[in-house]
Protein backbone atom coordinates (compact mmCIF):
# COMPACT_ATOMS: atom_id res chain seq x y z
CA MET A 1 16.13 294.23 33.79
CA LEU A 2 14.53 296.85 31.62
CA GLY A 3 17.36 299.81 32.67
CA HIS A 4 19.72 297.46 30.93
CA VAL A 5 18.51 296.70 27.44
CA GLU A 6 18.17 298.09 24.16
CA LEU A 7 14.31 299.53 23.62
CA GLY A 8 14.85 299.64 20.06
CA VAL A 9 16.12 302.36 17.36
CA LEU A 10 15.35 305.95 16.27
CA PRO A 11 16.35 307.75 12.88
CA ILE A 12 18.77 310.45 14.09
CA GLU A 13 20.20 312.44 10.70
CA SER A 14 20.28 311.98 6.91
CA SER A 15 22.92 312.56 4.99
CA VAL A 16 20.84 314.53 2.33
CA SER A 17 17.87 316.45 4.63
CA GLY A 18 20.07 316.69 7.50
CA PRO A 19 18.97 316.11 11.63
CA VAL A 20 15.38 314.27 12.12
CA ALA A 21 13.52 317.11 14.10
CA GLU A 22 11.24 314.71 15.68
CA THR A 23 13.32 312.84 17.12
CA HIS A 24 15.77 314.82 17.69
CA ASP A 25 12.54 316.86 20.16
CA LEU A 26 11.49 313.11 21.44
CA LEU A 27 14.86 312.69 23.23
CA PHE A 28 14.42 316.07 24.24
CA ASP A 29 11.25 315.75 25.77
CA SER A 30 12.21 311.95 27.61
CA PRO A 31 14.28 310.07 30.19
CA LEU A 32 15.67 308.09 27.31
CA ALA A 33 19.10 308.11 25.96
CA ALA A 34 21.38 307.11 23.39
CA PHE A 35 24.14 304.38 23.46
CA ALA A 36 25.18 303.57 20.21
CA GLN A 37 24.89 304.32 16.45
CA THR A 38 24.59 302.93 13.07
CA ILE A 39 24.64 304.22 9.81
CA LEU A 40 22.57 302.06 6.79
CA PRO A 41 22.38 303.40 3.33
CA ILE A 42 18.48 303.90 2.53
CA ARG A 43 16.76 302.54 -0.44
CA HIS A 44 12.89 303.93 -1.21
CA LEU A 45 10.58 301.87 -3.01
CA LEU A 46 7.42 303.11 -4.11
CA VAL A 47 4.93 299.83 -3.41
CA ALA A 48 1.15 299.32 -3.47
CA PRO A 49 -1.43 296.40 -3.26
CA GLY A 50 -0.73 295.97 -7.05
CA PRO A 51 0.54 296.99 -9.88
CA ILE A 52 -0.98 299.99 -11.55
CA PRO A 53 0.63 303.13 -13.56
CA LEU A 54 1.51 305.86 -11.94
CA GLY A 55 -0.55 308.56 -13.26
CA GLU A 56 -3.14 306.55 -11.74
CA LEU A 57 -2.35 307.00 -8.12
CA ARG A 58 -4.42 309.40 -5.81
CA VAL A 59 -2.43 308.93 -2.27
CA ILE A 60 1.22 308.19 -1.23
CA ARG A 61 2.03 307.83 2.22
CA SER A 62 5.20 307.74 3.90
CA HIS A 63 7.32 309.09 6.88
CA PRO A 64 7.93 313.17 6.41
CA ALA A 65 11.58 312.53 6.42
CA ALA A 66 11.09 309.93 3.27
CA LEU A 67 8.82 312.19 1.68
CA GLU A 68 11.01 315.10 1.92
CA GLN A 69 13.87 312.65 0.12
CA CYS A 70 11.55 312.11 -2.83
CA ARG A 71 10.67 315.43 -4.00
CA ARG A 72 11.34 314.37 -7.64
CA LEU A 73 9.27 311.14 -7.92
CA LEU A 74 6.31 313.60 -5.67
CA SER A 75 6.15 316.62 -8.27
CA GLY A 76 5.72 314.13 -11.15
CA LEU A 77 3.10 312.48 -9.36
CA PRO A 78 0.69 316.02 -9.28
CA ASP A 79 -2.98 314.06 -8.95
CA ALA A 80 -1.70 312.10 -5.75
CA ALA A 81 -2.18 313.60 -2.43
CA VAL A 82 0.75 313.26 -0.03
CA VAL A 83 -0.07 311.38 3.25
CA ALA A 84 2.18 311.69 6.45
CA ALA A 85 2.39 308.54 8.65
CA ALA A 86 4.65 307.53 11.81
CA THR A 87 6.73 305.22 10.04
CA THR A 88 7.65 303.96 6.43
CA ALA A 89 6.27 300.80 7.85
CA ASP A 90 2.88 302.21 8.78
CA ALA A 91 2.63 303.56 5.11
CA ALA A 92 2.98 300.19 4.26
CA ARG A 93 0.77 298.42 6.98
CA ILE A 94 -1.89 301.03 6.13
CA VAL A 95 -2.00 300.54 2.20
CA SER A 96 -1.99 296.67 2.20
CA GLU A 97 -5.11 297.00 5.00
CA GLU A 98 -7.10 299.56 2.89
CA GLY A 99 -6.07 297.50 -0.35
CA ASP A 100 -6.86 300.42 -2.36
CA ALA A 101 -5.31 299.96 -5.39
CA THR A 102 -4.91 303.89 -5.72
CA GLN A 103 -2.85 304.13 -2.51
CA ALA A 104 0.71 303.93 -2.54
CA ALA A 105 3.51 303.89 -0.10
CA ILE A 106 7.04 305.49 0.16
CA THR A 107 8.69 302.29 2.04
CA SER A 108 11.44 299.25 2.34
CA MET A 109 12.09 296.30 0.77
CA ARG A 110 11.39 294.81 4.43
CA ALA A 111 8.00 296.02 4.44
CA VAL A 112 7.02 294.95 1.02
CA GLU A 113 7.85 291.91 2.44
CA LEU A 114 6.00 291.87 5.87
CA PHE A 115 3.06 292.95 4.14
CA GLY A 116 2.74 291.60 0.70
CA LEU A 117 2.75 294.78 -1.46
CA HIS A 118 4.09 295.10 -5.51
CA VAL A 119 6.92 297.60 -6.11
CA LEU A 120 5.95 299.79 -8.73
CA GLU A 121 9.50 301.86 -8.58
CA HIS A 122 12.59 300.85 -6.88
CA ASP A 123 15.39 303.72 -5.19
CA VAL A 124 12.70 306.41 -6.03
CA GLY A 125 14.77 308.66 -3.92
CA ASP A 126 16.55 312.34 -4.72
CA HIS A 127 19.62 311.28 -3.91
CA PRO A 128 20.56 307.47 -4.01
CA GLU A 129 23.50 307.61 -2.34
CA ALA A 130 21.30 308.56 0.78
CA PHE A 131 22.27 307.54 4.08
CA THR A 132 20.54 307.14 7.56
CA ARG A 133 22.09 307.46 11.44
CA PHE A 134 20.62 305.49 13.76
CA PHE A 135 20.58 305.64 17.57
CA ALA A 136 20.17 302.77 20.12
CA ILE A 137 18.31 303.95 23.13
CA ALA A 138 17.80 303.01 26.28
CA THR A 139 16.26 303.85 29.60
CA TYR A 140 19.07 305.14 31.21
CA LEU A 141 22.59 307.09 30.16
CA ARG A 142 25.68 304.46 29.98
CA LEU A 143 29.04 306.44 29.74
CA LYS A 144 30.85 303.02 29.68
CA ARG A 145 33.67 303.44 27.46
CA ASP A 146 36.67 301.50 25.53
CA GLN A 147 39.63 303.52 25.28
CA ASP A 148 40.91 302.77 22.06
CA VAL A 149 37.21 303.66 20.39
CA PRO A 150 36.95 307.62 19.47
CA TYR A 151 33.00 308.27 20.40
CA ARG A 152 30.65 311.11 19.85
CA THR A 153 28.74 313.16 22.66
CA SER A 154 25.53 314.04 22.10
CA PHE A 155 23.93 316.87 24.01
CA SER A 156 21.28 319.75 24.00
CA PHE A 157 21.67 323.00 25.52
CA VAL A 158 19.84 326.61 26.65
CA THR A 159 21.36 329.95 26.32
CA ASP A 160 19.93 332.95 28.18
CA HIS A 161 18.08 335.25 26.03
CA ARG A 162 20.74 338.38 25.28
CA PRO A 163 23.80 339.24 23.22
CA GLY A 164 26.45 337.15 23.12
CA SER A 165 25.20 334.27 25.16
CA LEU A 166 25.48 331.32 22.44
CA HIS A 167 29.36 332.88 21.62
CA SER A 168 30.05 332.64 25.14
CA ALA A 169 28.44 328.68 24.92
CA LEU A 170 30.69 327.66 22.15
CA GLU A 171 33.97 329.38 23.17
CA PRO A 172 35.34 326.95 25.20
CA PHE A 173 35.04 324.68 21.87
CA ALA A 174 37.73 326.54 20.06
CA ARG A 175 39.82 327.37 23.22
CA LEU A 176 40.16 323.94 24.22
CA GLU A 177 39.93 322.09 21.06
CA VAL A 178 37.08 320.10 20.83
CA ASP A 179 35.58 319.59 17.78
CA LEU A 180 32.03 320.38 17.40
CA HIS A 181 30.26 318.25 14.47
CA GLN A 182 26.97 319.42 14.59
CA LEU A 183 24.99 321.98 15.77
CA VAL A 184 21.32 322.85 14.95
CA SER A 185 18.76 325.08 16.33
CA ARG A 186 14.81 323.63 17.66
CA PRO A 187 12.24 325.24 19.14
CA ILE A 188 11.57 323.77 22.52
CA PRO A 189 8.98 322.15 23.11
CA HIS A 190 5.18 323.71 24.91
CA THR A 191 7.68 326.59 24.91
CA PRO A 192 6.48 329.75 22.45
CA TRP A 193 9.24 331.49 20.56
CA ARG A 194 12.17 329.95 22.81
CA TYR A 195 14.81 327.51 20.87
CA ARG A 196 17.66 325.13 22.65
CA PHE A 197 20.69 324.12 20.40
CA ASP A 198 21.13 320.14 19.81
CA ALA A 199 24.83 319.38 19.00
CA VAL A 200 27.45 316.54 18.48
CA LEU A 201 31.06 316.46 19.66
CA ALA A 202 34.38 314.24 19.36
CA GLY A 203 34.94 312.98 22.59
CA HIS A 204 33.50 311.09 25.62
CA PRO A 205 32.37 312.73 28.77
CA LEU A 206 35.13 311.10 30.60
CA ASP A 207 37.72 312.62 28.41
CA PRO A 208 39.39 315.40 30.59
CA ILE A 209 38.96 317.79 27.80
CA VAL A 210 35.58 317.11 27.20
CA ARG A 211 34.89 317.04 30.75
CA GLU A 212 36.35 320.46 31.21
CA THR A 213 34.09 321.88 28.13
CA LEU A 214 31.17 320.12 28.74
CA GLN A 215 31.46 321.88 32.84
CA GLU A 216 31.93 325.43 31.12
CA ILE A 217 28.91 325.06 28.71
CA ARG A 218 27.23 324.52 31.91
CA ALA A 219 28.60 327.17 33.82
CA SER A 220 27.60 329.45 31.21
CA THR A 221 23.81 328.47 29.95
CA ARG A 222 20.64 327.75 31.39
CA GLN A 223 20.30 324.24 30.84
CA LEU A 224 22.82 321.03 29.52
CA ARG A 225 21.57 317.85 29.45
CA LEU A 226 23.58 314.89 27.81
CA PHE A 227 21.98 312.60 25.12
CA GLY A 228 23.82 310.07 25.27
CA SER A 229 27.94 308.83 24.22
CA TYR A 230 28.47 306.14 21.57
CA PRO A 231 31.05 304.73 19.34
CA ALA A 232 31.80 307.16 16.34
CA GLU A 233 30.67 305.39 13.16
CA GLU A 234 31.73 307.40 9.78
CA GLN A 235 30.48 306.10 6.69
C-alpha cells in the first residue's frame, strides 16, 4: 500500500548553508511527513560533455543550493551565466542532452556516470567538509519509536501578530527543559508578509515532557503542524 512505503528523500539542511528553504516550503504545503533522516557528505563536481578550458564555459547549471555552496568557483567564471535547475541531476541531464560544449553542470559523481559526462574539476564546493541532511518522506505521519534511540521532531507553528507572541510560544521549551535544535522563519506561501517558524526539537511526541511542551505551544499559537519524528543522526 502506498501509505506504508517511503516516497523518496528530500534535502532538508546543509551544514554550510543552513536549511533548504524549498524543502521546508514543500513540506508545509503538502500532506507528506518525515520518518527518517540521514546525513551524507556532499562532493560537488563541475562536469561538461567533454574537456574544455574553464574560461570557455558560458553556462553553469545546478540546483540553487549547490550554486550557493560553490560561490568561489562561480566568481572565477565571470563570463558564464548561472542557470538554476530543479536538482543537480536535472542539471547534468540537460547538459548531456543539449551537448553544448560550453555548458557545464555542478553535480555528483553518480550523475556523471548516469549521463556520460566529463569531470572538469573535483570538489568545487567552498567547503570540502560539507554535509547535507536528507529526510525520508511518506504520505502519513508515523509516530512509531524505539525506546533506546534518541529522536528528533520537526514541526512548524504560526503565532498571532502581537508583541510577545513568539516569546509565549518558546517559553515552554526553557521551563520544561526541552532542547530546541533549530528555529528558522519562513514566509507563509500565498500569504504576503506573514511568517511561520520551522523548528526541530530533541525528543519524540510520545515522550511525556515533549507532549506537554507541544500541547502548550498549540494553545499559544494559531497553528501547529508536525513534519515528522525520526531517529537522530549526528555527524
